[in-house]
Amino acid sequence: MLNTVFTALALLFIVAMILQILSIQAFFSTLAKNHKELYDEMNQPRWRIQLADDSFKRGLTYIRSKAFRELEDSELESIYKKIKRTDYAAIGFAIIALAIVIFQAVLLS
């Protein structure tokens, strides 16, 4: 039973991470559409499968620092809320999955 719950939580974690990636890309796309100069100044950040992408890191720092709020763009604010919800969901799923692993390890030892 716990293995099934763990597997479901792992899948939900993956879904949450995919939704977060899509939300971050939507944030960057909206930034490009509504605030082109700022987007270009940030070196056109977008999600890429690269470990050393400085523009993505800077873009993510921009999102996390909430610096976009000075733009007073309700669309960016809405997307930011989605990013935060997926953050919390992914963390919650991971914590519960880890708790299951620890519980099984203690129970079986």
Protein backbone atom coordinates (compact mmCIF):
# COMPACT_ATOMS: atom_id res chain seq x y z
CA MET A 1 0.00 0.00 0.00
CA LEU A 2 2.72 2.48 0.97
CA ASN A 3 4.62 1.66 -2.22
CA THR A 4 1.57 2.66 -4.25
CA VAL A 5 1.23 5.92 -2.31
CA PHE A 6 4.94 6.60 -2.77
CA THR A 7 4.68 5.99 -6.52
CA ALA A 8 1.65 8.27 -6.79
CA LEU A 9 3.47 11.00 -4.86
CA ALA A 10 6.53 10.63 -7.08
CA LEU A 11 4.36 11.03 -10.17
CA LEU A 12 2.60 14.04 -8.66
CA PHE A 13 6.00 15.56 -7.88
CA ILE A 14 7.03 15.14 -11.53
CA VAL A 15 3.75 16.69 -12.71
CA ALA A 16 4.25 19.63 -10.34
CA MET A 17 7.78 20.18 -11.64
CA ILE A 18 6.59 20.08 -15.27
CA LEU A 19 3.83 22.59 -14.43
CA GLN A 20 6.41 24.79 -12.77
CA ILE A 21 8.65 24.72 -15.84
CA LEU A 22 5.69 25.60 -18.05
CA SER A 23 4.66 28.42 -15.71
CA ILE A 24 8.19 29.84 -15.66
CA GLN A 25 8.27 29.76 -19.45
CA ALA A 26 4.85 31.48 -19.53
CA PHE A 27 6.26 34.16 -17.22
CA PHE A 28 9.20 34.74 -19.57
CA SER A 29 6.91 34.79 -22.62
CA THR A 30 4.62 37.33 -20.97
CA LEU A 31 7.62 39.41 -19.98
CA ALA A 32 8.82 39.33 -23.60
CA LYS A 33 5.39 40.30 -24.88
CA ASN A 34 4.54 43.04 -22.37
CA HIS A 35 7.97 44.36 -21.38
CA LYS A 36 10.26 43.75 -24.36
CA GLU A 37 13.02 46.16 -23.28
CA LEU A 38 13.39 44.54 -19.86
CA TYR A 39 13.26 41.07 -21.41
CA ASP A 40 16.04 41.98 -23.84
CA GLU A 41 18.04 43.62 -21.05
CA MET A 42 17.84 40.31 -19.14
CA ASN A 43 19.35 38.58 -22.21
CA GLN A 44 16.03 36.97 -23.20
CA PRO A 45 15.69 34.33 -20.48
CA ARG A 46 13.84 31.13 -21.27
CA TRP A 47 13.85 27.60 -19.96
CA ARG A 48 16.46 25.45 -21.66
CA ILE A 49 17.95 22.08 -20.92
CA GLN A 50 21.37 23.54 -20.08
CA LEU A 51 23.13 23.52 -16.77
CA ALA A 52 25.12 26.70 -17.29
CA ASP A 53 22.50 29.06 -18.72
CA ASP A 54 23.13 32.41 -17.04
CA SER A 55 20.11 34.14 -18.60
CA PHE A 56 17.76 31.54 -17.10
CA LYS A 57 19.43 31.87 -13.70
CA ARG A 58 19.12 35.65 -13.82
CA GLY A 59 15.51 35.35 -14.94
CA LEU A 60 14.71 32.96 -12.13
CA THR A 61 16.40 35.27 -9.62
CA TYR A 62 14.27 38.10 -11.01
CA ILE A 63 11.11 36.04 -10.45
CA ARG A 64 12.11 34.85 -6.96
CA SER A 65 13.07 38.36 -5.81
CA LYS A 66 9.64 39.62 -6.93
CA ALA A 67 11.30 42.51 -8.75
CA PHE A 68 8.60 42.24 -11.42
CA ARG A 69 6.08 43.81 -9.00
CA GLU A 70 7.38 47.28 -9.85
CA LEU A 71 6.01 46.69 -13.38
CA GLU A 72 2.48 46.44 -11.90
CA ASP A 73 1.56 43.74 -14.41
CA SER A 74 -1.34 41.65 -13.14
CA GLU A 75 -0.63 38.90 -15.67
CA LEU A 76 2.92 38.44 -14.34
CA GLU A 77 1.57 38.46 -10.78
CA SER A 78 -0.93 35.75 -11.66
CA ILE A 79 1.74 33.57 -13.26
CA TYR A 80 4.00 34.10 -10.24
CA LYS A 81 1.24 32.77 -7.99
CA LYS A 82 1.03 29.64 -10.16
CA ILE A 83 4.79 29.19 -9.88
CA LYS A 84 4.60 29.45 -6.08
CA ARG A 85 1.70 26.97 -5.89
CA THR A 86 3.64 24.42 -7.91
CA ASP A 87 6.66 25.07 -5.67
CA TYR A 88 4.68 24.29 -2.55
CA ALA A 89 2.97 21.28 -4.12
CA ALA A 90 6.28 19.76 -5.28
CA ILE A 91 7.88 20.31 -1.87
CA GLY A 92 4.87 18.81 -0.13
CA PHE A 93 4.84 15.73 -2.36
CA ALA A 94 8.57 15.24 -1.86
CA ILE A 95 8.35 15.56 1.93
CA ILE A 96 5.49 13.08 2.18
CA ALA A 97 7.27 10.64 -0.15
CA LEU A 98 10.43 10.93 1.95
CA ALA A 99 8.41 10.37 5.12
CA ILE A 100 7.02 7.16 3.61
CA VAL A 101 10.53 5.95 2.79
CA ILE A 102 11.74 6.71 6.32
CA PHE A 103 8.67 5.09 7.85
CA GLN A 104 9.20 1.93 5.80
CA ALA A 105 12.89 1.85 6.65
CA VAL A 106 12.15 2.14 10.37
CA LEU A 107 9.27 -0.30 10.19
CA LEU A 108 11.24 -2.94 8.28
CA SER A 109 14.44 -2.71 10.30
